[in-house]
């Protein structure tokens, strides 16, 4: 039997009667291509997991949670949300914790009762947490002990209720313990959920110094899930038939935060929907990851390129059995071509993969894998047919293939806008198209190449660091006269955060003092690791804008990273 090409596989899967048959529907006033069999809500996705019973779903340290156990907790929390806390459809419930099983339970329960899950960055400072809670208008915060302590200072002012998981110490006033609130065995309340009602708010760093809440509907999240599934099925169909016995059952390892769209949608929800075992790490450590890959027979590793690099560089790599891995890669940053080749050479079955998505696209976008990725290692790949792509010039005119411009997305998987930010929404969403802010081109085969970012942003190990936010924090120091923040290439992190500082006349300031100053205001990953104090005013162009590229290139050249 002849192995189909990617194009043939996609055509078969999306044809009428196929498992991913495509039709049209009106979404947000736009006529879009959608999957015909799109479930009506995330609740339907979770309900389907009940059929898997005692099969293992979550593995966390020494804990093993079956699908039945997870859903028992989802039902109990859903009942408590409605009966104890009065949560109604459209209410916002914030989740702030590290990657615990309870994060997943909370997300499923919140969205199953028609409320909106608000994902809080677990690295946020107390001030950042307070902003997110106030901006979203969350009525309840579900947090772990550390995040509850950070949020305690603003609770009286904002008036939200608090629920704490895995608490050992005495709780702040207004917070309750998870195990004392949940009544296992309680049924999940019946709630009607419209496909186009809001389901999630994920915060994405803002260029004006404060993050924006990206709002997605149930339809948008599920459309992204089905797009990932369609692509994975197409990849499987294009693999040559093998005489080897069946491979290990699908199993993912979760190495990225659940508050990120990749961890939430591309990994966690994909596992929920497909009945795949999900192995959760307490924190990233390549040696521990290799141990879990071997022990749990992990088949898919999805992280930022930094993490794939860490696995290969680990002293434990050669002695650990990674033969179960079939896919190694992820997204969040471009992968150097040499990393793509190393993954293919060093994993016996694992093929390199990459994806280009954003919070605003529910993580779904062009994907590249296997032979196609090796053939085009600088491309992020192609999309499935529910997604449209175009590249435009600065005036919004569509450019022909091969020409560089801004990449735009269109499809049912996009956010509906930013929470309470109509101007930002109008700037990003134009006539149903989402402006990515990224520069690139599409070749004649439909492969997308991302060349640069139009937004003033550093991409550090998959974390978006918006320069304006860091500059705002630096400028709060009284000794600073001028500051420019930019990214400098870094072999492991992709980019590291750098800053050029010009001090006020007669002032002195050391690197440690400035880093401490920024760390008191922003999460640790945003603190510049490279600081350059310059005696002269920073270079500017004719319009007065600081020439960041000139500064970045000079620093990179000195470090040999040009």
Protein backbone atom coordinates (compact mmCIF):
# COMPACT_ATOMS: atom_id res chain seq x y z
CA UNK A 1 0.00 0.00 0.00
CA UNK A 2 1.39 3.41 -0.98
CA UNK A 3 1.99 5.83 1.86
CA UNK A 4 0.00 9.04 1.23
CA UNK A 5 1.65 12.43 1.09
CA UNK A 6 0.80 15.04 3.70
CA UNK A 7 -1.50 16.80 1.24
CA UNK A 8 -3.29 13.54 0.42
CA UNK A 9 -3.69 12.65 4.10
CA UNK A 10 -5.16 16.06 4.94
CA UNK A 11 -7.55 15.86 1.96
CA UNK A 12 -8.80 12.44 3.07
CA UNK A 13 -9.22 13.42 6.72
CA UNK A 14 -11.11 16.66 6.00
CA UNK A 15 -13.31 15.39 3.15
CA UNK A 16 -17.08 14.94 3.69
CA UNK A 17 -17.60 11.93 5.93
CA UNK A 18 -14.00 12.02 7.14
CA UNK A 19 -13.09 12.17 10.86
CA UNK A 20 -12.15 15.85 10.50
CA UNK A 21 -14.71 16.83 7.86
CA UNK A 22 -14.85 20.58 7.29
CA UNK A 23 -17.93 22.73 6.84
CA UNK A 24 -18.66 26.45 7.22
CA UNK A 25 -20.22 28.38 10.08
CA UNK A 26 -20.65 32.00 11.14
CA UNK A 27 -18.32 32.75 14.04
CA UNK A 28 -18.09 36.26 15.47
CA UNK A 29 -19.74 37.66 12.36
CA UNK A 30 -17.25 35.92 10.06
CA UNK A 31 -17.98 33.02 7.72
CA UNK A 32 -15.25 30.51 8.60
CA UNK A 33 -14.22 26.95 7.89
CA UNK A 34 -14.87 24.77 10.95
CA UNK A 35 -14.67 21.11 11.83
CA UNK A 36 -18.11 19.60 11.34
CA UNK A 37 -17.91 17.46 14.48
CA UNK A 38 -16.77 20.17 16.87
CA UNK A 39 -18.08 19.34 20.39
CA UNK A 40 -20.36 22.05 21.82
CA UNK A 41 -18.21 22.93 24.85
CA UNK A 42 -15.20 21.96 26.91
CA UNK A 43 -17.60 20.26 29.31
CA UNK A 44 -18.37 17.75 26.55
CA UNK A 45 -14.63 17.08 26.17
CA UNK A 46 -14.31 16.37 29.88
CA UNK A 47 -17.45 14.25 29.97
CA UNK A 48 -16.00 11.96 27.30
CA UNK A 49 -13.10 11.20 29.67
CA UNK A 50 -15.51 9.47 32.08
CA UNK A 51 -15.63 6.49 29.73
CA UNK A 52 -11.94 5.80 30.41
CA UNK A 53 -12.60 4.90 34.03
CA UNK A 54 -9.58 3.55 35.88
CA UNK A 55 -7.10 4.19 33.07
CA UNK A 56 -4.23 6.35 34.30
CA UNK A 57 -4.53 9.99 33.31
CA UNK A 58 -2.17 11.97 35.54
CA UNK A 59 1.16 10.98 37.04
CA UNK A 60 2.62 13.49 39.49
CA UNK A 61 5.65 12.45 41.53
CA UNK A 62 4.41 9.30 43.34
CA UNK A 63 0.73 10.06 42.69
CA UNK A 64 -1.30 8.34 39.98
CA UNK A 65 -4.72 9.79 39.14
CA UNK A 66 -7.14 7.79 37.02
CA UNK A 67 -9.63 9.49 34.70
CA UNK A 68 -12.37 8.46 37.14
CA UNK A 69 -10.59 10.06 40.09
CA UNK A 70 -9.96 13.27 38.18
CA UNK A 71 -13.60 13.52 37.14
CA UNK A 72 -14.80 12.76 40.67
CA UNK A 73 -12.83 15.79 41.86
CA UNK A 74 -14.04 17.88 38.90
CA UNK A 75 -17.65 17.10 39.81
CA UNK A 76 -17.10 17.89 43.51
CA UNK A 77 -15.34 21.18 42.80
CA UNK A 78 -17.97 22.15 40.24
CA UNK A 79 -20.65 21.59 42.87
CA UNK A 80 -18.73 23.69 45.39
CA UNK A 81 -18.19 26.49 42.89
CA UNK A 82 -21.94 26.80 42.31
CA UNK A 83 -23.36 25.92 45.73
CA UNK A 84 -20.71 27.33 48.08
CA UNK A 85 -19.21 30.23 46.17
CA UNK A 86 -22.19 31.19 44.01
CA UNK A 87 -20.20 31.02 40.78
CA UNK A 88 -22.45 31.58 37.75
CA UNK A 89 -21.97 31.47 33.99
CA UNK A 90 -19.56 34.18 32.87
CA UNK A 91 -18.00 34.68 36.31
CA UNK A 92 -14.22 34.68 36.40
CA UNK A 93 -12.35 32.18 38.58
CA UNK A 94 -8.57 32.62 38.78
CA UNK A 95 -6.11 29.74 39.05
CA UNK A 96 -2.62 30.48 40.42
CA UNK A 97 -0.44 27.51 41.26
CA UNK A 98 2.44 25.45 40.02
CA UNK A 99 1.74 22.36 37.89
CA UNK A 100 -0.33 20.26 40.28
CA UNK A 101 -3.13 17.81 39.38
CA UNK A 102 -5.47 20.26 41.12
CA UNK A 103 -4.70 22.88 38.46
CA UNK A 104 -6.23 20.57 35.86
CA UNK A 105 -9.18 19.71 38.11
CA UNK A 106 -9.83 23.41 38.70
CA UNK A 107 -9.70 24.30 35.01
CA UNK A 108 -12.11 21.51 34.08
CA UNK A 109 -14.54 22.34 36.88
CA UNK A 110 -14.58 26.08 36.21
CA UNK A 111 -15.21 25.74 32.49
CA UNK A 112 -17.73 22.90 33.02
CA UNK A 113 -20.05 25.16 35.03
CA UNK A 114 -19.93 27.94 32.42
CA UNK A 115 -17.49 30.16 34.29
CA UNK A 116 -14.30 31.60 32.80
CA UNK A 117 -10.94 30.16 33.84
CA UNK A 118 -8.38 32.92 34.40
CA UNK A 119 -4.82 31.56 34.22
CA UNK A 120 -2.39 33.42 36.47
CA UNK A 121 1.35 33.29 35.81
CA UNK A 122 2.77 31.38 38.79
CA UNK A 123 5.93 33.51 38.65
CA UNK A 124 4.08 36.78 39.10
CA UNK A 125 4.93 39.06 42.01
CA UNK A 126 2.22 40.13 44.49
CA UNK A 127 1.70 43.34 42.50
CA UNK A 128 1.33 41.44 39.23
CA UNK A 129 -1.11 38.97 40.81
CA UNK A 130 -3.16 41.82 42.24
CA UNK A 131 -3.33 43.44 38.81
CA UNK A 132 -4.56 40.24 37.15
CA UNK A 133 -7.17 39.61 39.82
CA UNK A 134 -8.48 43.16 39.64
CA UNK A 135 -8.36 43.39 35.85
CA UNK A 136 -10.29 40.14 35.38
CA UNK A 137 -12.73 40.83 38.20
CA UNK A 138 -12.20 37.32 39.57
CA UNK A 139 -14.62 36.38 42.34
CA UNK A 140 -12.59 33.35 43.46
CA UNK A 141 -8.89 32.49 43.49
CA UNK A 142 -7.82 28.84 43.53
CA UNK A 143 -4.16 28.79 44.49
CA UNK A 144 -1.38 26.82 46.09
CA UNK A 145 0.09 27.95 49.38
CA UNK A 146 2.81 30.16 47.90
CA UNK A 147 0.53 32.00 45.49
CA UNK A 148 -2.19 32.41 48.16
CA UNK A 149 0.36 34.15 50.40
CA UNK A 150 1.31 36.51 47.56
CA UNK A 151 -2.34 37.37 46.88
CA UNK A 152 -3.35 37.78 50.53
CA UNK A 153 -2.36 41.44 50.62
CA UNK A 154 -4.94 42.48 48.04
CA UNK A 155 -7.81 40.21 49.11
CA UNK A 156 -9.53 42.68 51.42
CA UNK A 157 -9.42 45.40 48.78
CA UNK A 158 -10.64 43.20 45.92
CA UNK A 159 -13.03 41.02 47.89
CA UNK A 160 -12.43 37.67 46.20
CA UNK A 161 -12.79 34.33 47.98
CA UNK A 162 -9.79 32.02 48.24
CA UNK A 163 -9.36 28.25 47.98
CA UNK A 164 -5.94 26.72 48.68
CA UNK A 165 -4.61 23.35 47.52
CA UNK A 166 -1.99 21.28 49.36
CA UNK A 167 -1.84 23.73 52.25
CA UNK A 168 0.26 22.83 55.29
CA UNK A 169 0.65 26.15 57.09
CA UNK A 170 -2.06 28.38 58.55
CA UNK A 171 -4.01 30.09 55.78
CA UNK A 172 -4.43 33.84 55.24
CA UNK A 173 -7.78 35.31 56.24
CA UNK A 174 -10.52 34.64 53.68
CA UNK A 175 -8.95 31.46 52.31
CA UNK A 176 -10.25 27.90 52.74
CA UNK A 177 -8.61 24.50 52.35
CA UNK A 178 -9.37 22.48 49.22
CA UNK A 179 -9.98 19.21 51.07
CA UNK A 180 -12.43 20.83 53.46
CA UNK A 181 -14.53 22.31 50.67
CA UNK A 182 -14.80 19.41 48.25
CA UNK A 183 -17.44 16.76 48.94
CA UNK A 184 -16.48 13.80 46.78
CA UNK A 185 -19.50 12.16 45.26
CA UNK A 186 -21.38 15.40 44.69
CA UNK A 187 -22.78 15.62 41.14
CA UNK A 188 -21.65 18.27 38.67
CA UNK A 189 -24.41 20.92 38.38
CA UNK A 190 -26.30 20.99 35.10
CA UNK A 191 -25.40 24.10 33.09
CA UNK A 192 -26.12 25.00 29.47
CA UNK A 193 -23.01 26.34 27.74
CA UNK A 194 -23.09 28.12 24.38
CA UNK A 195 -20.17 27.24 22.06
CA UNK A 196 -19.40 30.93 21.61
CA UNK A 197 -19.46 31.84 25.29
CA UNK A 198 -16.17 32.79 26.95
CA UNK A 199 -14.15 29.93 28.42
CA UNK A 200 -10.65 31.22 29.21
CA UNK A 201 -8.58 34.30 29.92
CA UNK A 202 -4.84 33.87 29.52
CA UNK A 203 -2.65 36.86 30.23
CA UNK A 204 -0.07 37.88 27.68
CA UNK A 205 2.52 40.54 28.43
CA UNK A 206 1.56 43.99 27.20
CA UNK A 207 3.75 46.39 25.29
CA UNK A 208 2.48 49.24 27.48
CA UNK A 209 3.76 47.70 30.70
CA UNK A 210 0.73 45.69 31.83
CA UNK A 211 -0.41 42.30 30.53
CA UNK A 212 -3.61 41.88 28.51
CA UNK A 213 -6.19 39.17 29.14
CA UNK A 214 -6.68 37.18 25.93
CA UNK A 215 -10.26 35.82 25.89
CA UNK A 216 -11.17 32.59 24.11
CA UNK A 217 -14.53 30.93 23.64
CA UNK A 218 -15.26 27.23 24.02
CA UNK A 219 -15.40 26.95 20.23
CA UNK A 220 -12.00 28.59 19.83
CA UNK A 221 -10.22 26.31 22.29
CA UNK A 222 -11.84 23.16 20.89
CA UNK A 223 -11.09 24.22 17.30
CA UNK A 224 -7.40 24.44 18.22
CA UNK A 225 -7.58 21.02 19.89
CA UNK A 226 -9.11 19.45 16.81
CA UNK A 227 -6.55 21.16 14.56
CA UNK A 228 -3.74 19.59 16.60
CA UNK A 229 -5.48 16.21 16.41
CA UNK A 230 -6.02 16.52 12.64
CA UNK A 231 -2.36 17.32 12.10
CA UNK A 232 -1.20 14.44 14.34
CA UNK A 233 -3.45 12.00 12.49
CA UNK A 234 -2.13 13.21 9.14
CA UNK A 235 1.45 12.73 10.35
CA UNK A 236 0.64 9.17 11.44
CA UNK A 237 -0.88 8.37 8.04
CA UNK A 238 2.23 9.56 6.20
CA UNK A 239 4.57 7.24 8.14
CA UNK A 240 5.59 4.10 6.22
CA UNK A 241 4.02 0.87 7.43
CA UNK A 242 6.25 -1.00 9.90
CA UNK A 243 6.69 -4.70 10.65
CA UNK A 244 7.60 -3.85 14.25
CA UNK A 245 5.12 -4.65 17.04
CA UNK A 246 2.81 -1.81 18.19
CA UNK A 247 4.64 1.03 19.86
CA UNK A 248 4.09 2.21 23.41
CA UNK A 249 0.70 3.77 24.22
CA UNK A 250 0.69 7.53 23.80
CA UNK A 251 2.08 9.36 26.82
CA UNK A 252 3.02 13.04 27.16
CA UNK A 253 5.35 14.64 29.65
CA UNK A 254 4.34 18.11 30.86
CA UNK A 255 7.47 20.26 31.11
CA UNK A 256 5.92 23.71 30.49
CA UNK A 257 3.57 25.67 32.78
CA UNK A 258 -0.16 25.00 32.61
CA UNK A 259 -0.77 28.76 32.72
CA UNK A 260 0.87 28.95 29.28
CA UNK A 261 -1.30 28.23 26.28
CA UNK A 262 1.05 25.44 25.14
CA UNK A 263 0.82 23.60 28.44
CA UNK A 264 -2.91 24.19 28.79
CA UNK A 265 -4.22 23.57 25.27
CA UNK A 266 -1.58 21.80 23.19
CA UNK A 267 -0.57 19.38 25.95
CA UNK A 268 -3.07 19.09 28.82
CA UNK A 269 -6.34 19.47 26.93
CA UNK A 270 -5.08 17.35 24.04
CA UNK A 271 -4.36 14.56 26.54
CA UNK A 272 -7.77 15.01 28.18
CA UNK A 273 -9.52 14.80 24.81
CA UNK A 274 -7.56 11.81 23.51
CA UNK A 275 -7.34 9.79 26.73
CA UNK A 276 -3.55 10.08 26.84
CA UNK A 277 -1.47 9.65 29.99
CA UNK A 278 0.08 12.93 31.15
CA UNK A 279 3.18 12.87 33.34
CA UNK A 280 3.66 16.10 35.29
CA UNK A 281 7.00 17.40 36.54
CA UNK A 282 7.39 19.35 39.77
CA UNK A 283 9.88 21.62 38.02
CA UNK A 284 12.10 21.39 34.97
CA UNK A 285 15.19 19.26 35.43
CA UNK A 286 16.65 17.37 32.45
CA UNK A 287 17.91 14.46 34.54
CA UNK A 288 14.49 14.01 36.17
CA UNK A 289 12.83 14.35 32.77
CA UNK A 290 15.01 11.58 31.32
CA UNK A 291 14.21 9.39 34.31
CA UNK A 292 10.46 9.90 33.78
CA UNK A 293 10.72 9.37 30.01
CA UNK A 294 12.31 5.99 30.69
CA UNK A 295 10.02 5.00 33.59
CA UNK A 296 6.71 6.08 32.05
CA UNK A 297 7.56 5.23 28.41
CA UNK A 298 6.88 8.79 27.24
CA UNK A 299 6.08 9.07 23.52
CA UNK A 300 5.80 12.87 23.12
CA UNK A 301 8.00 15.63 24.51
CA UNK A 302 6.66 19.15 23.96
CA UNK A 303 8.69 22.02 25.37
CA UNK A 304 10.72 25.01 24.26
CA UNK A 305 13.88 24.26 22.23
CA UNK A 306 15.98 25.02 25.31
CA UNK A 307 14.60 21.89 26.96
CA UNK A 308 15.38 19.59 24.02
CA UNK A 309 18.89 21.01 24.12
CA UNK A 310 19.09 20.29 27.86
CA UNK A 311 18.10 16.65 27.34
CA UNK A 312 20.79 16.13 24.72
CA UNK A 313 23.45 17.85 26.84
CA UNK A 314 22.57 15.98 30.04
CA UNK A 315 25.26 13.61 31.37
CA UNK A 316 22.44 11.08 31.86
CA UNK A 317 21.31 11.09 28.24
CA UNK A 318 23.34 8.11 27.04
CA UNK A 319 22.41 5.85 29.96
CA UNK A 320 18.66 6.50 29.87
CA UNK A 321 16.26 4.60 27.60
CA UNK A 322 14.52 7.16 25.38
CA UNK A 323 13.41 4.63 22.75
CA UNK A 324 9.71 5.23 23.49
CA UNK A 325 9.91 8.84 22.26
CA UNK A 326 8.30 9.40 18.87
CA UNK A 327 8.09 13.21 18.83
CA UNK A 328 10.61 15.62 20.33
CA UNK A 329 10.23 19.37 20.07
CA UNK A 330 7.55 21.92 20.75
CA UNK A 331 7.54 25.64 20.14
CA UNK A 332 7.78 28.96 21.93
CA UNK A 333 10.95 29.90 20.03
CA UNK A 334 12.72 28.98 16.80
CA UNK A 335 14.94 25.91 17.03
CA UNK A 336 18.45 26.19 15.57
CA UNK A 337 18.82 23.89 12.53
CA UNK A 338 21.65 22.05 14.30
CA UNK A 339 19.27 21.17 17.15
CA UNK A 340 16.78 19.77 14.62
CA UNK A 341 19.48 17.54 13.17
CA UNK A 342 20.76 16.47 16.61
CA UNK A 343 17.28 15.39 17.71
CA UNK A 344 16.94 13.24 14.59
CA UNK A 345 20.39 11.71 15.05
CA UNK A 346 20.30 11.02 18.78
CA UNK A 347 16.81 9.66 19.47
CA UNK A 348 16.28 6.18 18.03
CA UNK A 349 12.64 6.79 17.05
CA UNK A 350 12.02 10.38 18.11
CA UNK A 351 11.49 12.78 15.21
CA UNK A 352 11.95 16.56 15.53
CA UNK A 353 8.84 18.73 15.66
CA UNK A 354 8.11 22.46 15.85
CA UNK A 355 4.98 24.56 16.12
CA UNK A 356 4.31 28.27 15.78
CA UNK A 357 1.35 29.47 17.79
CA UNK A 358 0.45 32.23 20.19
CA UNK A 359 -1.82 32.80 23.14
CA UNK A 360 -4.08 34.58 20.64
CA UNK A 361 -4.29 31.44 18.44
CA UNK A 362 -4.80 29.00 21.32
CA UNK A 363 -1.30 27.69 20.56
CA UNK A 364 -2.30 26.35 17.14
CA UNK A 365 -0.51 27.46 14.00
CA UNK A 366 1.86 26.06 11.40
CA UNK A 367 3.56 22.81 12.40
CA UNK A 368 6.58 21.02 10.98
CA UNK A 369 7.81 17.51 11.73
CA UNK A 370 9.96 14.61 10.62
CA UNK A 371 11.36 14.52 7.10
CA UNK A 372 9.66 17.77 6.12
CA UNK A 373 11.31 19.50 9.09
CA UNK A 374 14.73 18.12 8.16
CA UNK A 375 14.16 19.28 4.60
CA UNK A 376 13.14 22.76 5.76
CA UNK A 377 14.69 23.17 9.24
CA UNK A 378 14.14 26.93 9.35
CA UNK A 379 10.41 26.65 8.61
CA UNK A 380 7.70 26.30 11.22
CA UNK A 381 5.59 24.30 8.76
CA UNK A 382 2.03 24.29 7.41
CA UNK A 383 -1.51 24.58 8.79
CA UNK A 384 -4.64 22.44 8.49
CA UNK A 385 -7.47 23.82 6.30
CA UNK A 386 -9.58 25.52 9.00
CA UNK A 387 -6.75 28.06 9.34
CA UNK A 388 -5.99 30.75 6.76
CA UNK A 389 -2.66 32.58 6.63
CA UNK A 390 -1.48 35.63 4.77
CA UNK A 391 1.52 37.95 4.77
CA UNK A 392 1.03 41.70 4.34
CA UNK A 393 3.05 44.84 3.95
CA UNK A 394 2.81 47.77 6.38
CA UNK A 395 -0.32 49.03 4.59
CA UNK A 396 -2.08 45.67 5.00
CA UNK A 397 -1.73 44.68 1.36
CA UNK A 398 -1.28 40.94 0.80
CA UNK A 399 2.19 39.99 -0.45
CA UNK A 400 3.01 37.15 -2.87
CA UNK A 401 4.76 34.00 -1.67
CA UNK A 402 8.38 34.47 -0.71
CA UNK A 403 8.08 38.13 0.26
CA UNK A 404 8.60 39.13 3.90
CA UNK A 405 5.85 40.94 5.77
CA UNK A 406 3.62 40.60 8.82
CA UNK A 407 1.97 37.20 9.33
CA UNK A 408 -1.84 37.25 9.81
CA UNK A 409 -4.11 34.39 10.98
CA UNK A 410 -7.79 33.69 10.37
CA UNK A 411 -9.91 30.85 11.74
CA UNK A 412 -12.29 29.70 14.48
CA UNK A 413 -9.38 29.07 16.90
CA UNK A 414 -8.59 32.75 17.48
CA UNK A 415 -9.33 34.71 20.64
CA UNK A 416 -12.43 36.89 20.47
CA UNK A 417 -10.44 39.82 21.88
CA UNK A 418 -8.72 41.21 24.97
CA UNK A 419 -10.59 41.54 28.26
CA UNK A 420 -11.87 45.12 28.61
CA UNK A 421 -9.36 46.34 25.99
CA UNK A 422 -11.41 47.40 22.94
CA UNK A 423 -8.58 49.48 21.46
CA UNK A 424 -6.04 46.65 21.76
CA UNK A 425 -8.61 44.25 20.32
CA UNK A 426 -9.26 46.51 17.33
CA UNK A 427 -5.54 46.86 16.73
CA UNK A 428 -4.91 43.10 16.75
CA UNK A 429 -8.11 41.75 15.16
CA UNK A 430 -8.88 43.35 11.80
CA UNK A 431 -11.90 42.13 9.80
CA UNK A 432 -11.61 38.67 11.36
CA UNK A 433 -7.84 38.46 10.81
CA UNK A 434 -5.36 38.40 13.69
CA UNK A 435 -2.17 40.39 13.26
CA UNK A 436 0.62 38.35 14.78
CA UNK A 437 3.18 41.12 15.03
CA UNK A 438 5.69 38.63 13.60
CA UNK A 439 7.54 39.08 10.33
CA UNK A 440 8.00 36.24 7.89
CA UNK A 441 7.00 34.71 4.56
CA UNK A 442 5.18 31.72 3.08
CA UNK A 443 6.87 29.67 0.36
CA UNK A 444 5.25 28.08 -2.70
CA UNK A 445 4.47 24.88 -0.76
CA UNK A 446 2.67 26.73 2.03
CA UNK A 447 5.52 26.45 4.55
CA UNK A 448 5.77 29.41 6.93
CA UNK A 449 9.07 31.02 7.87
CA UNK A 450 9.22 33.40 10.85
CA UNK A 451 12.01 35.91 10.30
CA UNK A 452 11.72 38.42 13.12
CA UNK A 453 9.32 39.93 15.60
CA UNK A 454 7.71 43.23 14.85
CA UNK A 455 6.78 43.64 18.51
CA UNK A 456 9.35 44.99 20.96
CA UNK A 457 9.81 41.70 22.75
CA UNK A 458 12.44 39.27 24.00
CA UNK A 459 11.70 35.55 23.79
CA UNK A 460 13.61 33.99 26.69
CA UNK A 461 13.28 30.19 26.95
CA UNK A 462 9.73 30.40 25.67
CA UNK A 463 8.73 33.29 27.95
CA UNK A 464 7.63 36.54 26.36
CA UNK A 465 9.41 39.50 27.93
CA UNK A 466 8.08 42.81 26.64
CA UNK A 467 10.81 45.41 26.69
CA UNK A 468 8.54 48.32 27.61
CA UNK A 469 7.49 46.58 30.82
CA UNK A 470 11.11 46.02 31.92
CA UNK A 471 12.10 49.53 30.89
CA UNK A 472 9.24 50.94 32.95
CA UNK A 473 10.58 49.13 36.02
CA UNK A 474 14.16 50.30 35.38
CA UNK A 475 13.03 53.89 34.92
CA UNK A 476 11.55 53.83 38.43
CA UNK A 477 15.09 53.90 39.82
CA UNK A 478 16.00 57.53 40.54
CA UNK A 479 19.56 57.14 39.20
CA UNK A 480 18.47 56.09 35.69
CA UNK A 481 18.29 58.68 32.94
CA UNK A 482 17.83 56.45 29.87
CA UNK A 483 17.21 52.73 29.45
CA UNK A 484 16.81 50.37 26.50
CA UNK A 485 15.92 46.70 26.89
CA UNK A 486 16.47 44.16 24.11
CA UNK A 487 17.29 40.51 23.51
CA UNK A 488 20.75 39.10 22.84
CA UNK A 489 21.14 35.63 21.25
CA UNK A 490 21.82 32.86 23.77
CA UNK A 491 22.63 29.26 22.85
CA UNK A 492 20.40 27.63 25.48
CA UNK A 493 17.74 30.26 26.22
CA UNK A 494 17.26 31.46 22.67
CA UNK A 495 17.59 35.04 23.90
CA UNK A 496 18.57 36.60 27.19
CA UNK A 497 17.30 39.92 28.47
CA UNK A 498 19.83 42.74 28.12
CA UNK A 499 19.70 46.42 28.99
CA UNK A 500 21.78 49.49 28.19
CA UNK A 501 21.62 52.13 30.91
CA UNK A 502 22.68 55.78 30.90
CA UNK A 503 22.69 57.27 34.41
CA UNK A 504 21.83 60.75 35.56
CA UNK A 505 24.75 63.11 36.00
CA UNK A 506 26.64 62.48 39.21
CA UNK A 507 24.78 59.23 40.00
CA UNK A 508 26.26 55.79 40.60
CA UNK A 509 24.48 52.45 40.33
CA UNK A 510 25.72 48.86 40.45
CA UNK A 511 24.41 45.85 38.57
CA UNK A 512 23.29 43.99 41.70
CA UNK A 513 21.36 46.98 42.99
CA UNK A 514 19.56 47.49 39.67
CA UNK A 515 18.69 43.80 39.32
CA UNK A 516 17.29 43.79 42.84
CA UNK A 517 15.26 46.89 42.00
CA UNK A 518 13.72 45.20 38.93
CA UNK A 519 13.17 41.88 40.75
CA UNK A 520 11.08 43.69 43.37
CA UNK A 521 8.70 44.78 40.61
CA UNK A 522 8.69 42.00 38.03
CA UNK A 523 8.96 38.22 37.79
CA UNK A 524 12.50 36.86 37.87
CA UNK A 525 12.65 35.83 34.21
CA UNK A 526 12.16 39.48 33.21
CA UNK A 527 15.21 40.74 35.13
CA UNK A 528 18.05 41.61 32.72
CA UNK A 529 20.94 39.17 32.95
CA UNK A 530 23.16 41.44 30.83
CA UNK A 531 23.58 45.05 31.96
CA UNK A 532 25.64 47.68 30.18
CA UNK A 533 26.17 51.10 31.76
CA UNK A 534 27.14 53.61 29.08
CA UNK A 535 28.63 57.08 29.73
CA UNK A 536 27.00 58.76 26.73
CA UNK A 537 23.28 59.23 25.93
CA UNK A 538 21.80 56.25 24.08
CA UNK A 539 21.83 56.50 20.26
CA UNK A 540 18.60 57.68 18.64
CA UNK A 541 17.26 58.05 15.12
CA UNK A 542 15.85 61.21 13.56
CA UNK A 543 12.46 60.68 15.17
CA UNK A 544 13.99 60.31 18.61
CA UNK A 545 13.61 56.53 18.94
CA UNK A 546 16.46 54.68 20.64
CA UNK A 547 18.38 52.52 18.16
CA UNK A 548 17.98 49.22 19.97
CA UNK A 549 19.21 47.12 17.08
CA UNK A 550 22.48 49.05 17.11
CA UNK A 551 22.88 48.48 20.85
CA UNK A 552 21.97 44.80 20.57
CA UNK A 553 24.33 44.17 17.67
CA UNK A 554 27.22 45.84 19.50
CA UNK A 555 26.70 43.76 22.65
CA UNK A 556 26.20 40.55 20.67
CA UNK A 557 29.39 41.22 18.68
CA UNK A 558 31.42 41.74 21.88
CA UNK A 559 30.09 38.45 23.24
CA UNK A 560 30.70 36.64 19.97
CA UNK A 561 27.00 36.00 19.43
CA UNK A 562 26.38 38.12 16.37
